[in-house]
Amino acid sequence: MPVSIKANRDGFRRCGIAHSDQWVEHPDGRFTSEEIEILSADTMLQVKITKKPAAPATPPSPGPQGDAGPGDQPPSPGPQGDAGSGDQPPSPDKGKTSKKGGK
């Protein structure tokens, strides 16, 4: 479990760490259970043991459109047609001709 520690005096050392006078959260596994007992018993330190949030008892509810199964997928767009079909604006070089051959 993560442990948050705040020292009454900045730089106070215990269990191999100089503790801050601001709350610092240490990750799960940073201290052994014996070290947590030592830290908690020290009057120069304030120690909070943070419990991990419990997993939800029920699965999360589907989004506003519901749970889409394989047959519920919207149809995929067909092959792209001519740029003039209104689907997409024409590309800037569409319709321009190159002047090759000297004419």
PDB file of N, CA and C in Angstrom:
ATOM      1  N   MET A   1       0.843  -1.183   0.000  1.00  0.00           N
ATOM      2  CA  MET A   1       0.000   0.000   0.000  1.00  0.00           C
ATOM      3  C   MET A   1       0.885   1.243   0.000  1.00  0.00           C
ATOM      4  N   PRO A   2       0.511   2.259  -0.766  1.00  0.00           N
ATOM      5  CA  PRO A   2       1.275   3.501  -0.753  1.00  0.00           C
ATOM      6  C   PRO A   2       1.243   4.141   0.641  1.00  0.00           C
ATOM      7  N   VAL A   3       2.316   4.840   0.983  1.00  0.00           N
ATOM      8  CA  VAL A   3       2.443   5.475   2.290  1.00  0.00           C
ATOM      9  C   VAL A   3       2.797   6.944   2.074  1.00  0.00           C
ATOM     10  N   SER A   4       2.044   7.844   2.716  1.00  0.00           N
ATOM     11  CA  SER A   4       2.363   9.275   2.672  1.00  0.00           C
ATOM     12  C   SER A   4       2.973   9.661   4.005  1.00  0.00           C
ATOM     13  N   ILE A   5       4.067  10.427   3.936  1.00  0.00           N
ATOM     14  CA  ILE A   5       4.801  10.789   5.153  1.00  0.00           C
ATOM     15  C   ILE A   5       5.100  12.282   5.131  1.00  0.00           C
ATOM     16  N   LYS A   6       4.950  12.898   6.301  1.00  0.00           N
ATOM     17  CA  LYS A   6       5.283  14.310   6.496  1.00  0.00           C
ATOM     18  C   LYS A   6       6.070  14.408   7.799  1.00  0.00           C
ATOM     19  N   ALA A   7       7.222  15.065   7.749  1.00  0.00           N
ATOM     20  CA  ALA A   7       8.052  15.240   8.946  1.00  0.00           C
ATOM     21  C   ALA A   7       7.688  16.544   9.636  1.00  0.00           C
ATOM     22  N   ASN A   8       7.797  16.555  10.957  1.00  0.00           N
ATOM     23  CA  ASN A   8       7.568  17.791  11.708  1.00  0.00           C
ATOM     24  C   ASN A   8       8.710  18.782  11.496  1.00  0.00           C
ATOM     25  N   ARG A   9       9.871  18.280  11.108  1.00  0.00           N
ATOM     26  CA  ARG A   9      11.034  19.119  10.818  1.00  0.00           C
ATOM     27  C   ARG A   9      11.614  18.661   9.489  1.00  0.00           C
ATOM     28  N   ASP A  10      11.748  19.579   8.538  1.00  0.00           N
ATOM     29  CA  ASP A  10      12.257  19.243   7.211  1.00  0.00           C
ATOM     30  C   ASP A  10      13.635  18.610   7.316  1.00  0.00           C
ATOM     31  N   GLY A  11      13.820  17.479   6.615  1.00  0.00           N
ATOM     32  CA  GLY A  11      15.114  16.805   6.596  1.00  0.00           C
ATOM     33  C   GLY A  11      15.274  15.757   7.691  1.00  0.00           C
ATOM     34  N   PHE A  12      14.249  15.585   8.529  1.00  0.00           N
ATOM     35  CA  PHE A  12      14.332  14.578   9.585  1.00  0.00           C
ATOM     36  C   PHE A  12      14.539  13.214   8.937  1.00  0.00           C
ATOM     37  N   ARG A  13      15.543  12.478   9.433  1.00  0.00           N
ATOM     38  CA  ARG A  13      15.900  11.199   8.832  1.00  0.00           C
ATOM     39  C   ARG A  13      15.367  10.028   9.648  1.00  0.00           C
ATOM     40  N   ARG A  14      14.789   9.084   8.926  1.00  0.00           N
ATOM     41  CA  ARG A  14      14.339   7.829   9.535  1.00  0.00           C
ATOM     42  C   ARG A  14      14.234   6.795   8.425  1.00  0.00           C
ATOM     43  N   CYS A  15      14.685   5.596   8.696  1.00  0.00           N
ATOM     44  CA  CYS A  15      14.658   4.473   7.739  1.00  0.00           C
ATOM     45  C   CYS A  15      15.391   4.802   6.434  1.00  0.00           C
ATOM     46  N   GLY A  16      16.497   5.516   6.547  1.00  0.00           N
ATOM     47  CA  GLY A  16      17.343   5.784   5.389  1.00  0.00           C
ATOM     48  C   GLY A  16      16.867   6.892   4.470  1.00  0.00           C
ATOM     49  N   ILE A  17      15.890   7.676   4.914  1.00  0.00           N
ATOM     50  CA  ILE A  17      15.357   8.751   4.073  1.00  0.00           C
ATOM     51  C   ILE A  17      15.305  10.043   4.873  1.00  0.00           C
ATOM     52  N   ALA A  18      15.668  11.161   4.217  1.00  0.00           N
ATOM     53  CA  ALA A  18      15.458  12.491   4.787  1.00  0.00           C
ATOM     54  C   ALA A  18      14.037  12.885   4.391  1.00  0.00           C
ATOM     55  N   HIS A  19      13.156  12.978   5.371  1.00  0.00           N
ATOM     56  CA  HIS A  19      11.739  13.245   5.102  1.00  0.00           C
ATOM     57  C   HIS A  19      11.483  14.747   5.022  1.00  0.00           C
ATOM     58  N   SER A  20      10.553  15.118   4.171  1.00  0.00           N
ATOM     59  CA  SER A  20      10.196  16.513   3.940  1.00  0.00           C
ATOM     60  C   SER A  20       9.150  16.961   4.959  1.00  0.00           C
ATOM     61  N   ASP A  21       9.064  18.283   5.125  1.00  0.00           N
ATOM     62  CA  ASP A  21       7.997  18.814   5.981  1.00  0.00           C
ATOM     63  C   ASP A  21       6.708  19.019   5.176  1.00  0.00           C
ATOM     64  N   GLN A  22       6.691  18.513   3.941  1.00  0.00           N
ATOM     65  CA  GLN A  22       5.504  18.481   3.084  1.00  0.00           C
ATOM     66  C   GLN A  22       5.125  17.011   2.879  1.00  0.00           C
ATOM     67  N   TRP A  23       3.838  16.752   2.622  1.00  0.00           N
ATOM     68  CA  TRP A  23       3.407  15.376   2.405  1.00  0.00           C
ATOM     69  C   TRP A  23       4.075  14.813   1.156  1.00  0.00           C
ATOM     70  N   VAL A  24       4.647  13.614   1.295  1.00  0.00           N
ATOM     71  CA  VAL A  24       5.269  12.907   0.178  1.00  0.00           C
ATOM     72  C   VAL A  24       4.672  11.507   0.136  1.00  0.00           C
ATOM     73  N   GLU A  25       4.159  11.116  -1.043  1.00  0.00           N
ATOM     74  CA  GLU A  25       3.609   9.772  -1.187  1.00  0.00           C
ATOM     75  C   GLU A  25       4.687   8.845  -1.723  1.00  0.00           C
ATOM     76  N   HIS A  26       4.906   7.752  -1.007  1.00  0.00           N
ATOM     77  CA  HIS A  26       5.883   6.739  -1.406  1.00  0.00           C
ATOM     78  C   HIS A  26       5.125   5.552  -1.987  1.00  0.00           C
ATOM     79  N   PRO A  27       5.648   4.962  -3.062  1.00  0.00           N
ATOM     80  CA  PRO A  27       4.921   3.883  -3.741  1.00  0.00           C
ATOM     81  C   PRO A  27       4.820   2.617  -2.899  1.00  0.00           C
ATOM     82  N   ASP A  28       3.887   1.787  -3.303  1.00  0.00           N
ATOM     83  CA  ASP A  28       3.694   0.489  -2.671  1.00  0.00           C
ATOM     84  C   ASP A  28       5.000  -0.302  -2.749  1.00  0.00           C
ATOM     85  N   GLY A  29       5.406  -0.891  -1.642  1.00  0.00           N
ATOM     86  CA  GLY A  29       6.618  -1.701  -1.613  1.00  0.00           C
ATOM     87  C   GLY A  29       7.880  -0.925  -1.270  1.00  0.00           C
ATOM     88  N   ARG A  30       7.783   0.403  -1.133  1.00  0.00           N
ATOM     89  CA  ARG A  30       8.968   1.207  -0.802  1.00  0.00           C
ATOM     90  C   ARG A  30       9.484   0.871   0.590  1.00  0.00           C
ATOM     91  N   PHE A  31       8.574   0.633   1.536  1.00  0.00           N
ATOM     92  CA  PHE A  31       8.942   0.304   2.907  1.00  0.00           C
ATOM     93  C   PHE A  31       8.438  -1.090   3.255  1.00  0.00           C
ATOM     94  N   THR A  32       9.208  -1.792   4.078  1.00  0.00           N
ATOM     95  CA  THR A  32       8.745  -3.082   4.583  1.00  0.00           C
ATOM     96  C   THR A  32       7.705  -2.821   5.664  1.00  0.00           C
ATOM     97  N   SER A  33       6.976  -3.849   6.054  1.00  0.00           N
ATOM     98  CA  SER A  33       5.984  -3.670   7.118  1.00  0.00           C
ATOM     99  C   SER A  33       6.667  -3.276   8.429  1.00  0.00           C
ATOM    100  N   GLU A  34       7.893  -3.767   8.657  1.00  0.00           N
ATOM    101  CA  GLU A  34       8.644  -3.388   9.860  1.00  0.00           C
ATOM    102  C   GLU A  34       9.008  -1.901   9.829  1.00  0.00           C
ATOM    103  N   GLU A  35       9.443  -1.404   8.662  1.00  0.00           N
ATOM    104  CA  GLU A  35       9.783   0.013   8.535  1.00  0.00           C
ATOM    105  C   GLU A  35       8.547   0.896   8.717  1.00  0.00           C
ATOM    106  N   ILE A  36       7.404   0.459   8.221  1.00  0.00           N
ATOM    107  CA  ILE A  36       6.175   1.232   8.388  1.00  0.00           C
ATOM    108  C   ILE A  36       5.820   1.348   9.866  1.00  0.00           C
ATOM    109  N   GLU A  37       6.033   0.253  10.625  1.00  0.00           N
ATOM    110  CA  GLU A  37       5.793   0.296  12.073  1.00  0.00           C
ATOM    111  C   GLU A  37       6.724   1.298  12.747  1.00  0.00           C
ATOM    112  N   ILE A  38       8.001   1.302  12.346  1.00  0.00           N
ATOM    113  CA  ILE A  38       8.978   2.236  12.912  1.00  0.00           C
ATOM    114  C   ILE A  38       8.594   3.674  12.585  1.00  0.00           C
ATOM    115  N   LEU A  39       8.238   3.933  11.328  1.00  0.00           N
ATOM    116  CA  LEU A  39       7.862   5.280  10.903  1.00  0.00           C
ATOM    117  C   LEU A  39       6.603   5.747  11.627  1.00  0.00           C
ATOM    118  N   SER A  40       5.619   4.869  11.738  1.00  0.00           N
ATOM    119  CA  SER A  40       4.358   5.222  12.388  1.00  0.00           C
ATOM    120  C   SER A  40       4.543   5.514  13.868  1.00  0.00           C
ATOM    121  N   ALA A  41       5.483   4.848  14.509  1.00  0.00           N
ATOM    122  CA  ALA A  41       5.708   5.028  15.948  1.00  0.00           C
ATOM    123  C   ALA A  41       6.512   6.291  16.256  1.00  0.00           C
ATOM    124  N   ASP A  42       7.175   6.858  15.261  1.00  0.00           N
ATOM    125  CA  ASP A  42       8.020   8.034  15.491  1.00  0.00           C
ATOM    126  C   ASP A  42       7.156   9.285  15.623  1.00  0.00           C
ATOM    127  N   THR A  43       7.315  10.005  16.714  1.00  0.00           N
ATOM    128  CA  THR A  43       6.511  11.206  16.963  1.00  0.00           C
ATOM    129  C   THR A  43       6.925  12.391  16.086  1.00  0.00           C
ATOM    130  N   MET A  44       8.055  12.290  15.414  1.00  0.00           N
ATOM    131  CA  MET A  44       8.493  13.369  14.521  1.00  0.00           C
ATOM    132  C   MET A  44       7.884  13.234  13.120  1.00  0.00           C
ATOM    133  N   LEU A  45       7.174  12.141  12.893  1.00  0.00           N
ATOM    134  CA  LEU A  45       6.610  11.894  11.576  1.00  0.00           C
ATOM    135  C   LEU A  45       5.097  11.710  11.651  1.00  0.00           C
ATOM    136  N   GLN A  46       4.423  12.152  10.610  1.00  0.00           N
ATOM    137  CA  GLN A  46       3.002  11.861  10.423  1.00  0.00           C
ATOM    138  C   GLN A  46       2.920  10.883   9.251  1.00  0.00           C
ATOM    139  N   VAL A  47       2.247   9.762   9.463  1.00  0.00           N
ATOM    140  CA  VAL A  47       2.209   8.703   8.461  1.00  0.00           C
ATOM    141  C   VAL A  47       0.759   8.383   8.118  1.00  0.00           C
ATOM    142  N   LYS A  48       0.462   8.348   6.821  1.00  0.00           N
ATOM    143  CA  LYS A  48      -0.857   7.947   6.332  1.00  0.00           C
ATOM    144  C   LYS A  48      -0.657   6.765   5.397  1.00  0.00           C
ATOM    145  N   ILE A  49      -1.355   5.689   5.676  1.00  0.00           N
ATOM    146  CA  ILE A  49      -1.306   4.529   4.789  1.00  0.00           C
ATOM    147  C   ILE A  49      -2.526   4.606   3.887  1.00  0.00           C
ATOM    148  N   THR A  50      -2.269   4.673   2.607  1.00  0.00           N
ATOM    149  CA  THR A  50      -3.335   4.819   1.624  1.00  0.00           C
ATOM    150  C   THR A  50      -3.723   3.446   1.108  1.00  0.00           C
ATOM    151  N   LYS A  51      -4.996   3.137   1.223  1.00  0.00           N
ATOM    152  CA  LYS A  51      -5.473   1.862   0.690  1.00  0.00           C
ATOM    153  C   LYS A  51      -5.826   2.044  -0.766  1.00  0.00           C
ATOM    154  N   LYS A  52      -5.546   1.024  -1.556  1.00  0.00           N
ATOM    155  CA  LYS A  52      -5.900   1.068  -2.971  1.00  0.00           C
ATOM    156  C   LYS A  52      -7.410   1.010  -3.091  1.00  0.00           C
ATOM    157  N   PRO A  53      -7.979   1.728  -4.049  1.00  0.00           N
ATOM    158  CA  PRO A  53      -9.431   1.664  -4.228  1.00  0.00           C
ATOM    159  C   PRO A  53      -9.849   0.253  -4.615  1.00  0.00           C
ATOM    160  N   ALA A  54     -10.967  -0.189  -4.047  1.00  0.00           N
ATOM    161  CA  ALA A  54     -11.476  -1.516  -4.354  1.00  0.00           C
ATOM    162  C   ALA A  54     -11.970  -1.571  -5.793  1.00  0.00           C
ATOM    163  N   ALA A  55     -11.851  -2.736  -6.393  1.00  0.00           N
ATOM    164  CA  ALA A  55     -12.339  -2.911  -7.761  1.00  0.00           C
ATOM    165  C   ALA A  55     -13.858  -2.829  -7.746  1.00  0.00           C
ATOM    166  N   PRO A  56     -14.449  -2.256  -8.771  1.00  0.00           N
ATOM    167  CA  PRO A  56     -15.912  -2.150  -8.796  1.00  0.00           C
ATOM    168  C   PRO A  56     -16.552  -3.536  -8.774  1.00  0.00           C
ATOM    169  N   ALA A  57     -17.650  -3.656  -8.032  1.00  0.00           N
ATOM    170  CA  ALA A  57     -18.346  -4.938  -7.902  1.00  0.00           C
ATOM    171  C   ALA A  57     -19.063  -5.310  -9.189  1.00  0.00           C
ATOM    172  N   THR A  58     -19.501  -4.316  -9.944  1.00  0.00           N
ATOM    173  CA  THR A  58     -20.201  -4.571 -11.197  1.00  0.00           C
ATOM    174  C   THR A  58     -19.378  -4.014 -12.340  1.00  0.00           C
ATOM    175  N   PRO A  59     -19.488  -4.618 -13.513  1.00  0.00           N
ATOM    176  CA  PRO A  59     -18.727  -4.085 -14.650  1.00  0.00           C
ATOM    177  C   PRO A  59     -19.231  -2.700 -15.002  1.00  0.00           C
ATOM    178  N   PRO A  60     -18.383  -1.882 -15.588  1.00  0.00           N
ATOM    179  CA  PRO A  60     -18.809  -0.533 -15.962  1.00  0.00           C
ATOM    180  C   PRO A  60     -19.960  -0.586 -16.948  1.00  0.00           C
ATOM    181  N   SER A  61     -20.848   0.376 -16.844  1.00  0.00           N
ATOM    182  CA  SER A  61     -22.002   0.412 -17.732  1.00  0.00           C
ATOM    183  C   SER A  61     -21.573   0.841 -19.123  1.00  0.00           C
ATOM    184  N   PRO A  62     -22.286   0.382 -20.148  1.00  0.00           N
ATOM    185  CA  PRO A  62     -21.929   0.770 -21.512  1.00  0.00           C
ATOM    186  C   PRO A  62     -22.176   2.257 -21.719  1.00  0.00           C
ATOM    187  N   GLY A  63     -21.570   2.783 -22.736  1.00  0.00           N
ATOM    188  CA  GLY A  63     -21.722   4.199 -23.053  1.00  0.00           C
ATOM    189  C   GLY A  63     -23.141   4.526 -23.474  1.00  0.00           C
ATOM    190  N   PRO A  64     -23.400   5.759 -23.856  1.00  0.00           N
ATOM    191  CA  PRO A  64     -24.756   6.182 -24.191  1.00  0.00           C
ATOM    192  C   PRO A  64     -25.351   5.433 -25.377  1.00  0.00           C
ATOM    193  N   GLN A  65     -24.525   4.850 -26.249  1.00  0.00           N
ATOM    194  CA  GLN A  65     -25.051   4.152 -27.406  1.00  0.00           C
ATOM    195  C   GLN A  65     -25.257   2.672 -27.123  1.00  0.00           C
ATOM    196  N   GLY A  66     -24.928   2.216 -25.935  1.00  0.00           N
ATOM    197  CA  GLY A  66     -25.109   0.811 -25.605  1.00  0.00           C
ATOM    198  C   GLY A  66     -23.881   0.010 -25.959  1.00  0.00           C
ATOM    199  N   ASP A  67     -23.972  -1.261 -25.699  1.00  0.00           N
ATOM    200  CA  ASP A  67     -22.863  -2.167 -25.948  1.00  0.00           C
ATOM    201  C   ASP A  67     -22.955  -2.660 -27.383  1.00  0.00           C
ATOM    202  N   ALA A  68     -22.049  -2.234 -28.214  1.00  0.00           N
ATOM    203  CA  ALA A  68     -22.088  -2.613 -29.622  1.00  0.00           C
ATOM    204  C   ALA A  68     -21.437  -3.974 -29.793  1.00  0.00           C
ATOM    205  N   GLY A  69     -22.184  -4.927 -30.285  1.00  0.00           N
ATOM    206  CA  GLY A  69     -21.659  -6.252 -30.580  1.00  0.00           C
ATOM    207  C   GLY A  69     -21.172  -6.284 -32.010  1.00  0.00           C
ATOM    208  N   PRO A  70     -20.678  -7.430 -32.475  1.00  0.00           N
ATOM    209  CA  PRO A  70     -20.142  -7.496 -33.837  1.00  0.00           C
ATOM    210  C   PRO A  70     -21.182  -7.173 -34.904  1.00  0.00           C
ATOM    211  N   GLY A  71     -22.461  -7.509 -34.664  1.00  0.00           N
ATOM    212  CA  GLY A  71     -23.484  -7.221 -35.654  1.00  0.00           C
ATOM    213  C   GLY A  71     -24.038  -5.821 -35.548  1.00  0.00           C
ATOM    214  N   ASP A  72     -23.641  -5.072 -34.536  1.00  0.00           N
ATOM    215  CA  ASP A  72     -24.174  -3.735 -34.305  1.00  0.00           C
ATOM    216  C   ASP A  72     -23.285  -2.630 -34.852  1.00  0.00           C
ATOM    217  N   GLN A  73     -22.268  -2.984 -35.589  1.00  0.00           N
ATOM    218  CA  GLN A  73     -21.342  -1.978 -36.101  1.00  0.00           C
ATOM    219  C   GLN A  73     -22.007  -1.172 -37.200  1.00  0.00           C
ATOM    220  N   PRO A  74     -21.772   0.131 -37.254  1.00  0.00           N
ATOM    221  CA  PRO A  74     -22.327   0.927 -38.352  1.00  0.00           C
ATOM    222  C   PRO A  74     -21.653   0.522 -39.651  1.00  0.00           C
ATOM    223  N   PRO A  75     -22.339   0.677 -40.772  1.00  0.00           N
ATOM    224  CA  PRO A  75     -21.731   0.273 -42.040  1.00  0.00           C
ATOM    225  C   PRO A  75     -20.504   1.128 -42.329  1.00  0.00           C
ATOM    226  N   SER A  76     -19.492   0.492 -42.883  1.00  0.00           N
ATOM    227  CA  SER A  76     -18.284   1.236 -43.213  1.00  0.00           C
ATOM    228  C   SER A  76     -18.514   1.995 -44.505  1.00  0.00           C
ATOM    229  N   PRO A  77     -17.851   3.134 -44.658  1.00  0.00           N
ATOM    230  CA  PRO A  77     -18.044   3.904 -45.889  1.00  0.00           C
ATOM    231  C   PRO A  77     -17.528   3.117 -47.081  1.00  0.00           C
ATOM    232  N   GLY A  78     -18.190   3.290 -48.209  1.00  0.00           N
ATOM    233  CA  GLY A  78     -17.798   2.584 -49.426  1.00  0.00           C
ATOM    234  C   GLY A  78     -16.521   3.184 -50.001  1.00  0.00           C
ATOM    235  N   PRO A  79     -16.131   2.719 -51.175  1.00  0.00           N
ATOM    236  CA  PRO A  79     -14.917   3.278 -51.792  1.00  0.00           C
ATOM    237  C   PRO A  79     -15.118   4.763 -52.094  1.00  0.00           C
ATOM    238  N   GLN A  80     -14.052   5.493 -52.011  1.00  0.00           N
ATOM    239  CA  GLN A  80     -14.157   6.931 -52.218  1.00  0.00           C
ATOM    240  C   GLN A  80     -14.433   7.212 -53.682  1.00  0.00           C
ATOM    241  N   GLY A  81     -15.427   8.031 -53.910  1.00  0.00           N
ATOM    242  CA  GLY A  81     -15.809   8.363 -55.285  1.00  0.00           C
ATOM    243  C   GLY A  81     -15.062   9.580 -55.779  1.00  0.00           C
ATOM    244  N   ASP A  82     -15.634  10.192 -56.815  1.00  0.00           N
ATOM    245  CA  ASP A  82     -15.054  11.381 -57.403  1.00  0.00           C
ATOM    246  C   ASP A  82     -15.031  12.505 -56.371  1.00  0.00           C
ATOM    247  N   ALA A  83     -14.052  13.369 -56.432  1.00  0.00           N
ATOM    248  CA  ALA A  83     -13.942  14.460 -55.460  1.00  0.00           C
ATOM    249  C   ALA A  83     -15.132  15.389 -55.542  1.00  0.00           C
ATOM    250  N   GLY A  84     -15.862  15.405 -56.670  1.00  0.00           N
ATOM    251  CA  GLY A  84     -17.014  16.269 -56.814  1.00  0.00           C
ATOM    252  C   GLY A  84     -18.278  15.692 -56.187  1.00  0.00           C
ATOM    253  N   SER A  85     -18.193  14.547 -55.547  1.00  0.00           N
ATOM    254  CA  SER A  85     -19.384  13.923 -54.988  1.00  0.00           C
ATOM    255  C   SER A  85     -19.844  14.599 -53.714  1.00  0.00           C
ATOM    256  N   GLY A  86     -19.102  15.524 -53.175  1.00  0.00           N
ATOM    257  CA  GLY A  86     -19.508  16.238 -51.981  1.00  0.00           C
ATOM    258  C   GLY A  86     -18.958  15.622 -50.702  1.00  0.00           C
ATOM    259  N   ASP A  87     -18.285  14.466 -50.798  1.00  0.00           N
ATOM    260  CA  ASP A  87     -17.732  13.829 -49.607  1.00  0.00           C
ATOM    261  C   ASP A  87     -16.540  14.602 -49.062  1.00  0.00           C
ATOM    262  N   GLN A  88     -15.662  14.997 -49.953  1.00  0.00           N
ATOM    263  CA  GLN A  88     -14.462  15.710 -49.531  1.00  0.00           C
ATOM    264  C   GLN A  88     -14.181  16.820 -50.529  1.00  0.00           C
ATOM    265  N   PRO A  89     -13.539  17.885 -50.069  1.00  0.00           N
ATOM    266  CA  PRO A  89     -13.193  18.953 -51.016  1.00  0.00           C
ATOM    267  C   PRO A  89     -12.137  18.457 -51.991  1.00  0.00           C
ATOM    268  N   PRO A  90     -12.131  19.011 -53.209  1.00  0.00           N
ATOM    269  CA  PRO A  90     -11.127  18.564 -54.183  1.00  0.00           C
ATOM    270  C   PRO A  90      -9.726  18.941 -53.725  1.00  0.00           C
ATOM    271  N   SER A  91      -8.771  18.126 -54.141  1.00  0.00           N
ATOM    272  CA  SER A  91      -7.392  18.433 -53.781  1.00  0.00           C
ATOM    273  C   SER A  91      -6.921  19.626 -54.612  1.00  0.00           C
ATOM    274  N   PRO A  92      -5.942  20.401 -54.089  1.00  0.00           N
ATOM    275  CA  PRO A  92      -5.520  21.629 -54.782  1.00  0.00           C
ATOM    276  C   PRO A  92      -4.982  21.395 -56.179  1.00  0.00           C
ATOM    277  N   ASP A  93      -4.383  20.229 -56.479  1.00  0.00           N
ATOM    278  CA  ASP A  93      -3.797  20.019 -57.792  1.00  0.00           C
ATOM    279  C   ASP A  93      -4.752  19.309 -58.747  1.00  0.00           C
ATOM    280  N   LYS A  94      -5.973  19.010 -58.326  1.00  0.00           N
ATOM    281  CA  LYS A  94      -6.945  18.322 -59.177  1.00  0.00           C
ATOM    282  C   LYS A  94      -7.402  19.273 -60.286  1.00  0.00           C
ATOM    283  N   GLY A  95      -7.398  18.816 -61.472  1.00  0.00           N
ATOM    284  CA  GLY A  95      -7.893  19.616 -62.593  1.00  0.00           C
ATOM    285  C   GLY A  95      -6.803  20.460 -63.260  1.00  0.00           C
ATOM    286  N   LYS A  96      -5.632  20.527 -62.713  1.00  0.00           N
ATOM    287  CA  LYS A  96      -4.548  21.289 -63.343  1.00  0.00           C
ATOM    288  C   LYS A  96      -3.822  20.387 -64.318  1.00  0.00           C
ATOM    289  N   THR A  97      -3.383  20.954 -65.378  1.00  0.00           N
ATOM    290  CA  THR A  97      -2.625  20.171 -66.359  1.00  0.00           C
ATOM    291  C   THR A  97      -1.205  20.674 -66.372  1.00  0.00           C
ATOM    292  N   SER A  98      -0.310  19.774 -66.577  1.00  0.00           N
ATOM    293  CA  SER A  98       1.078  20.181 -66.632  1.00  0.00           C
ATOM    294  C   SER A  98       1.427  20.560 -68.061  1.00  0.00           C
ATOM    295  N   LYS A  99       2.323  21.479 -68.212  1.00  0.00           N
ATOM    296  CA  LYS A  99       2.705  21.933 -69.548  1.00  0.00           C
ATOM    297  C   LYS A  99       3.988  21.230 -69.915  1.00  0.00           C
ATOM    298  N   LYS A 100       3.820  20.098 -70.539  1.00  0.00           N
ATOM    299  CA  LYS A 100       4.978  19.361 -71.021  1.00  0.00           C
ATOM    300  C   LYS A 100       4.880  19.271 -72.546  1.00  0.00           C
ATOM    301  N   GLY A 101       5.939  19.281 -73.158  1.00  0.00           N
ATOM    302  CA  GLY A 101       5.944  19.122 -74.614  1.00  0.00           C
ATOM    303  C   GLY A 101       5.977  20.445 -75.352  1.00  0.00           C
ATOM    304  N   GLY A 102       5.968  21.567 -74.696  1.00  0.00           N
ATOM    305  CA  GLY A 102       6.164  22.851 -75.341  1.00  0.00           C
ATOM    306  C   GLY A 102       4.928  23.433 -75.983  1.00  0.00           C
ATOM    307  N   LYS A 103       3.773  22.946 -75.796  1.00  0.00           N
ATOM    308  CA  LYS A 103       2.603  23.506 -76.450  1.00  0.00           C
ATOM    309  C   LYS A 103       1.932  24.578 -75.676  1.00  0.00           C
TER     310      LYS A 103
END
